[in-house]
Amino acid sequence: MRGTRLAGAVLGFGSFVMAHAAEKLFDPTRDAAKDLQAAERQAQAEHKNILMDVGGNWCPWCILVDRTLNQDAELHALLEKDYVVLHVNFSRENQNVPFLSGYPAAKGYPAWYVLSAQGKLLKAEDTSELESTHKLDAGYSKDALRSFLLANASR
């Protein structure tokens, strides 16, 4: 997962989401199966789990969780230490139906799937449980994100 710092910029939440979405975090042209193979190779080499993040650039919660994980130093360090992040697009342009049919159906977006380095499903998570108050302006709970990352890290 790449960092998304906006050095020196002071933006409101809506402006940030629009600017961040322009970066195309989720790419409808990517081949999710090939990307998973590459993530598995990397995870095996680095002894990490895979955090498969399914969502789209249309989804403000998807953009917000990425921002939260990358801009908070503690959360980012946990993510980098224990996970290879794989973004899988779900949008009108590409719903990745064949690829995602092998996983539990998403209850909402972003949908997270923790996979072993060999690609075995370990956990499917509706990230709404990680939100602070279920209101976009309140964002995600750092404590809940930290707990999730620690509980699902490779050991």
C-alpha atoms as a PDB file:
ATOM      1  CA  MET A   1       0.000   0.000   0.000  1.00  0.00           C
ATOM      2  CA  ARG A   2       1.512   3.327  -0.888  1.00  0.00           C
ATOM      3  CA  GLY A   3       1.481   6.286   1.460  1.00  0.00           C
ATOM      4  CA  THR A   4      -0.882   9.115   0.698  1.00  0.00           C
ATOM      5  CA  ARG A   5       0.576  12.111   2.469  1.00  0.00           C
ATOM      6  CA  LEU A   6      -0.367  15.556   1.248  1.00  0.00           C
ATOM      7  CA  ALA A   7       2.611  17.534   2.513  1.00  0.00           C
ATOM      8  CA  GLY A   8       1.804  21.121   3.335  1.00  0.00           C
ATOM      9  CA  ALA A   9      -1.782  20.888   2.126  1.00  0.00           C
ATOM     10  CA  VAL A  10      -4.737  21.662   4.330  1.00  0.00           C
ATOM     11  CA  LEU A  11      -7.832  20.132   2.808  1.00  0.00           C
ATOM     12  CA  GLY A  12     -11.316  19.479   4.093  1.00  0.00           C
ATOM     13  CA  PHE A  13     -12.413  15.849   4.229  1.00  0.00           C
ATOM     14  CA  GLY A  14     -14.424  16.036   0.997  1.00  0.00           C
ATOM     15  CA  SER A  15     -11.545  17.652  -0.855  1.00  0.00           C
ATOM     16  CA  PHE A  16      -9.163  15.021   0.442  1.00  0.00           C
ATOM     17  CA  VAL A  17     -11.388  12.153  -0.661  1.00  0.00           C
ATOM     18  CA  MET A  18     -11.718  13.629  -4.135  1.00  0.00           C
ATOM     19  CA  ALA A  19      -7.966  14.248  -4.395  1.00  0.00           C
ATOM     20  CA  HIS A  20      -7.159  10.787  -3.084  1.00  0.00           C
ATOM     21  CA  ALA A  21      -9.703   9.078  -5.349  1.00  0.00           C
ATOM     22  CA  ALA A  22      -8.034  10.745  -8.312  1.00  0.00           C
ATOM     23  CA  GLU A  23      -4.999   8.581  -7.514  1.00  0.00           C
ATOM     24  CA  LYS A  24      -6.995   5.503  -8.606  1.00  0.00           C
ATOM     25  CA  LEU A  25      -6.355   3.374  -5.544  1.00  0.00           C
ATOM     26  CA  PHE A  26      -8.611   0.751  -7.127  1.00  0.00           C
ATOM     27  CA  ASP A  27      -7.876   0.067 -10.781  1.00  0.00           C
ATOM     28  CA  PRO A  28     -10.644  -1.599 -12.820  1.00  0.00           C
ATOM     29  CA  THR A  29      -8.130  -2.638 -15.498  1.00  0.00           C
ATOM     30  CA  ARG A  30      -6.021  -4.798 -13.159  1.00  0.00           C
ATOM     31  CA  ASP A  31      -6.121  -8.589 -13.285  1.00  0.00           C
ATOM     32  CA  ALA A  32      -7.013  -9.514  -9.691  1.00  0.00           C
ATOM     33  CA  ALA A  33      -5.936 -13.157 -10.093  1.00  0.00           C
ATOM     34  CA  LYS A  34      -2.469 -12.163 -11.325  1.00  0.00           C
ATOM     35  CA  ASP A  35      -2.192  -9.528  -8.618  1.00  0.00           C
ATOM     36  CA  LEU A  36      -3.061 -12.159  -5.999  1.00  0.00           C
ATOM     37  CA  GLN A  37      -0.337 -14.457  -7.328  1.00  0.00           C
ATOM     38  CA  ALA A  38       2.195 -11.636  -7.018  1.00  0.00           C
ATOM     39  CA  ALA A  39       0.939 -10.820  -3.499  1.00  0.00           C
ATOM     40  CA  GLU A  40       1.290 -14.489  -2.498  1.00  0.00           C
ATOM     41  CA  ARG A  41       4.891 -14.586  -3.742  1.00  0.00           C
ATOM     42  CA  GLN A  42       5.718 -11.416  -1.838  1.00  0.00           C
ATOM     43  CA  ALA A  43       3.900 -12.566   1.321  1.00  0.00           C
ATOM     44  CA  GLN A  44       5.727 -15.901   1.283  1.00  0.00           C
ATOM     45  CA  ALA A  45       9.101 -14.230   0.831  1.00  0.00           C
ATOM     46  CA  GLU A  46       8.385 -11.703   3.590  1.00  0.00           C
ATOM     47  CA  HIS A  47       6.476 -14.068   5.948  1.00  0.00           C
ATOM     48  CA  LYS A  48       3.350 -11.909   5.952  1.00  0.00           C
ATOM     49  CA  ASN A  49      -0.371 -12.320   5.488  1.00  0.00           C
ATOM     50  CA  ILE A  50      -2.257 -10.664   2.652  1.00  0.00           C
ATOM     51  CA  LEU A  51      -4.842  -7.992   3.361  1.00  0.00           C
ATOM     52  CA  MET A  52      -7.138  -8.066   0.348  1.00  0.00           C
ATOM     53  CA  ASP A  53      -8.997  -4.763   0.294  1.00  0.00           C
ATOM     54  CA  VAL A  54     -12.020  -4.893  -2.024  1.00  0.00           C
ATOM     55  CA  GLY A  55     -13.651  -1.604  -2.930  1.00  0.00           C
ATOM     56  CA  GLY A  56     -13.670   1.182  -5.432  1.00  0.00           C
ATOM     57  CA  ASN A  57     -12.678   4.760  -6.038  1.00  0.00           C
ATOM     58  CA  TRP A  58     -16.395   5.603  -5.815  1.00  0.00           C
ATOM     59  CA  CYS A  59     -16.442   4.556  -2.136  1.00  0.00           C
ATOM     60  CA  PRO A  60     -15.542   7.264   0.412  1.00  0.00           C
ATOM     61  CA  TRP A  61     -15.097   4.698   3.200  1.00  0.00           C
ATOM     62  CA  CYS A  62     -12.610   2.800   0.991  1.00  0.00           C
ATOM     63  CA  ILE A  63     -10.556   5.934   0.453  1.00  0.00           C
ATOM     64  CA  LEU A  64     -10.809   6.929   4.111  1.00  0.00           C
ATOM     65  CA  VAL A  65      -9.572   3.612   5.509  1.00  0.00           C
ATOM     66  CA  ASP A  66      -6.566   3.701   3.179  1.00  0.00           C
ATOM     67  CA  ARG A  67      -5.809   7.262   4.242  1.00  0.00           C
ATOM     68  CA  THR A  68      -6.179   6.363   7.911  1.00  0.00           C
ATOM     69  CA  LEU A  69      -3.863   3.357   7.665  1.00  0.00           C
ATOM     70  CA  ASN A  70      -1.224   5.287   5.769  1.00  0.00           C
ATOM     71  CA  GLN A  71      -1.252   8.585   7.621  1.00  0.00           C
ATOM     72  CA  ASP A  72      -1.168   7.204  11.141  1.00  0.00           C
ATOM     73  CA  ALA A  73       2.430   6.185  11.851  1.00  0.00           C
ATOM     74  CA  GLU A  74       1.544   3.368  14.268  1.00  0.00           C
ATOM     75  CA  LEU A  75      -1.097   1.817  12.011  1.00  0.00           C
ATOM     76  CA  HIS A  76       1.115   2.147   8.957  1.00  0.00           C
ATOM     77  CA  ALA A  77       3.996   0.426  10.763  1.00  0.00           C
ATOM     78  CA  LEU A  78       1.735  -2.484  11.771  1.00  0.00           C
ATOM     79  CA  LEU A  79       0.429  -2.788   8.228  1.00  0.00           C
ATOM     80  CA  GLU A  80       3.902  -2.732   6.699  1.00  0.00           C
ATOM     81  CA  LYS A  81       5.291  -5.200   9.253  1.00  0.00           C
ATOM     82  CA  ASP A  82       2.647  -7.900   8.882  1.00  0.00           C
ATOM     83  CA  TYR A  83       0.753  -7.519   5.596  1.00  0.00           C
ATOM     84  CA  VAL A  84       1.030  -7.352   1.862  1.00  0.00           C
ATOM     85  CA  VAL A  85      -1.906  -5.208   0.750  1.00  0.00           C
ATOM     86  CA  LEU A  86      -3.838  -6.153  -2.363  1.00  0.00           C
ATOM     87  CA  HIS A  87      -6.453  -3.713  -3.665  1.00  0.00           C
ATOM     88  CA  VAL A  88      -9.178  -5.411  -5.708  1.00  0.00           C
ATOM     89  CA  ASN A  89     -11.532  -3.187  -7.655  1.00  0.00           C
ATOM     90  CA  PHE A  90     -15.307  -3.503  -7.389  1.00  0.00           C
ATOM     91  CA  SER A  91     -17.077  -0.963  -9.580  1.00  0.00           C
ATOM     92  CA  ARG A  92     -19.447  -0.619 -12.517  1.00  0.00           C
ATOM     93  CA  GLU A  93     -16.450  -0.919 -14.842  1.00  0.00           C
ATOM     94  CA  ASN A  94     -15.279  -4.182 -13.308  1.00  0.00           C
ATOM     95  CA  GLN A  95     -16.979  -6.071 -10.508  1.00  0.00           C
ATOM     96  CA  ASN A  96     -14.358  -8.853 -10.625  1.00  0.00           C
ATOM     97  CA  VAL A  97     -17.170 -11.405 -10.372  1.00  0.00           C
ATOM     98  CA  PRO A  98     -15.169 -14.505 -11.387  1.00  0.00           C
ATOM     99  CA  PHE A  99     -12.334 -13.650  -9.004  1.00  0.00           C
ATOM    100  CA  LEU A 100     -14.496 -12.619  -6.041  1.00  0.00           C
ATOM    101  CA  SER A 101     -16.848 -15.612  -6.409  1.00  0.00           C
ATOM    102  CA  GLY A 102     -14.258 -17.654  -4.510  1.00  0.00           C
ATOM    103  CA  TYR A 103     -14.734 -15.529  -1.369  1.00  0.00           C
ATOM    104  CA  PRO A 104     -17.652 -14.804   0.966  1.00  0.00           C
ATOM    105  CA  ALA A 105     -19.949 -12.151  -0.473  1.00  0.00           C
ATOM    106  CA  ALA A 106     -19.170  -8.637   0.696  1.00  0.00           C
ATOM    107  CA  LYS A 107     -21.735  -7.114   3.041  1.00  0.00           C
ATOM    108  CA  GLY A 108     -20.448  -3.645   2.215  1.00  0.00           C
ATOM    109  CA  TYR A 109     -17.365  -1.806   1.043  1.00  0.00           C
ATOM    110  CA  PRO A 110     -14.590  -1.797   1.754  1.00  0.00           C
ATOM    111  CA  ALA A 111     -14.586  -5.534   2.313  1.00  0.00           C
ATOM    112  CA  TRP A 112     -11.454  -7.002   3.830  1.00  0.00           C
ATOM    113  CA  TYR A 113     -10.215 -10.543   3.422  1.00  0.00           C
ATOM    114  CA  VAL A 114      -7.156 -11.693   5.323  1.00  0.00           C
ATOM    115  CA  LEU A 115      -5.344 -14.437   3.445  1.00  0.00           C
ATOM    116  CA  SER A 116      -2.365 -16.538   4.408  1.00  0.00           C
ATOM    117  CA  ALA A 117       0.774 -16.178   2.328  1.00  0.00           C
ATOM    118  CA  GLN A 118      -0.487 -19.198   0.353  1.00  0.00           C
ATOM    119  CA  GLY A 119      -3.811 -17.483  -0.370  1.00  0.00           C
ATOM    120  CA  LYS A 120      -5.957 -19.397   2.155  1.00  0.00           C
ATOM    121  CA  LEU A 121      -8.843 -17.322   3.514  1.00  0.00           C
ATOM    122  CA  LEU A 122      -8.317 -16.650   7.216  1.00  0.00           C
ATOM    123  CA  LYS A 123     -10.921 -13.943   7.843  1.00  0.00           C
ATOM    124  CA  ALA A 124     -13.574 -11.971   6.008  1.00  0.00           C
ATOM    125  CA  GLU A 125     -14.433  -8.645   7.627  1.00  0.00           C
ATOM    126  CA  ASP A 126     -17.090  -6.032   7.159  1.00  0.00           C
ATOM    127  CA  THR A 127     -15.105  -2.926   8.004  1.00  0.00           C
ATOM    128  CA  SER A 128     -18.171  -1.121   9.362  1.00  0.00           C
ATOM    129  CA  GLU A 129     -17.267  -2.668  12.727  1.00  0.00           C
ATOM    130  CA  LEU A 130     -14.019  -0.701  12.588  1.00  0.00           C
ATOM    131  CA  GLU A 131     -15.729   2.665  12.140  1.00  0.00           C
ATOM    132  CA  SER A 132     -15.867   5.121  15.027  1.00  0.00           C
ATOM    133  CA  THR A 133     -19.557   6.022  14.890  1.00  0.00           C
ATOM    134  CA  HIS A 134     -20.710   4.854  11.447  1.00  0.00           C
ATOM    135  CA  LYS A 135     -20.640   8.484  10.313  1.00  0.00           C
ATOM    136  CA  LEU A 136     -18.119   9.313   7.612  1.00  0.00           C
ATOM    137  CA  ASP A 137     -16.917  12.499   9.310  1.00  0.00           C
ATOM    138  CA  ALA A 138     -15.946  10.483  12.416  1.00  0.00           C
ATOM    139  CA  GLY A 139     -13.923   8.041  10.348  1.00  0.00           C
ATOM    140  CA  TYR A 140     -12.413   4.817  11.574  1.00  0.00           C
ATOM    141  CA  SER A 141     -11.489   3.933  15.136  1.00  0.00           C
ATOM    142  CA  LYS A 142      -7.719   3.763  15.507  1.00  0.00           C
ATOM    143  CA  ASP A 143      -8.120   1.306  18.379  1.00  0.00           C
ATOM    144  CA  ALA A 144     -10.357  -0.970  16.299  1.00  0.00           C
ATOM    145  CA  LEU A 145      -7.973  -0.848  13.323  1.00  0.00           C
ATOM    146  CA  ARG A 146      -4.983  -1.555  15.573  1.00  0.00           C
ATOM    147  CA  SER A 147      -6.787  -4.509  17.169  1.00  0.00           C
ATOM    148  CA  PHE A 148      -7.728  -5.909  13.759  1.00  0.00           C
ATOM    149  CA  LEU A 149      -4.181  -5.628  12.420  1.00  0.00           C
ATOM    150  CA  LEU A 150      -2.663  -7.221  15.522  1.00  0.00           C
ATOM    151  CA  ALA A 151      -5.236 -10.026  15.730  1.00  0.00           C
ATOM    152  CA  ASN A 152      -4.841 -11.043  12.091  1.00  0.00           C
ATOM    153  CA  ALA A 153      -1.082 -10.628  11.675  1.00  0.00           C
ATOM    154  CA  SER A 154       1.010 -13.540  10.500  1.00  0.00           C
ATOM    155  CA  ARG A 155       2.710 -15.333  13.357  1.00  0.00           C
END
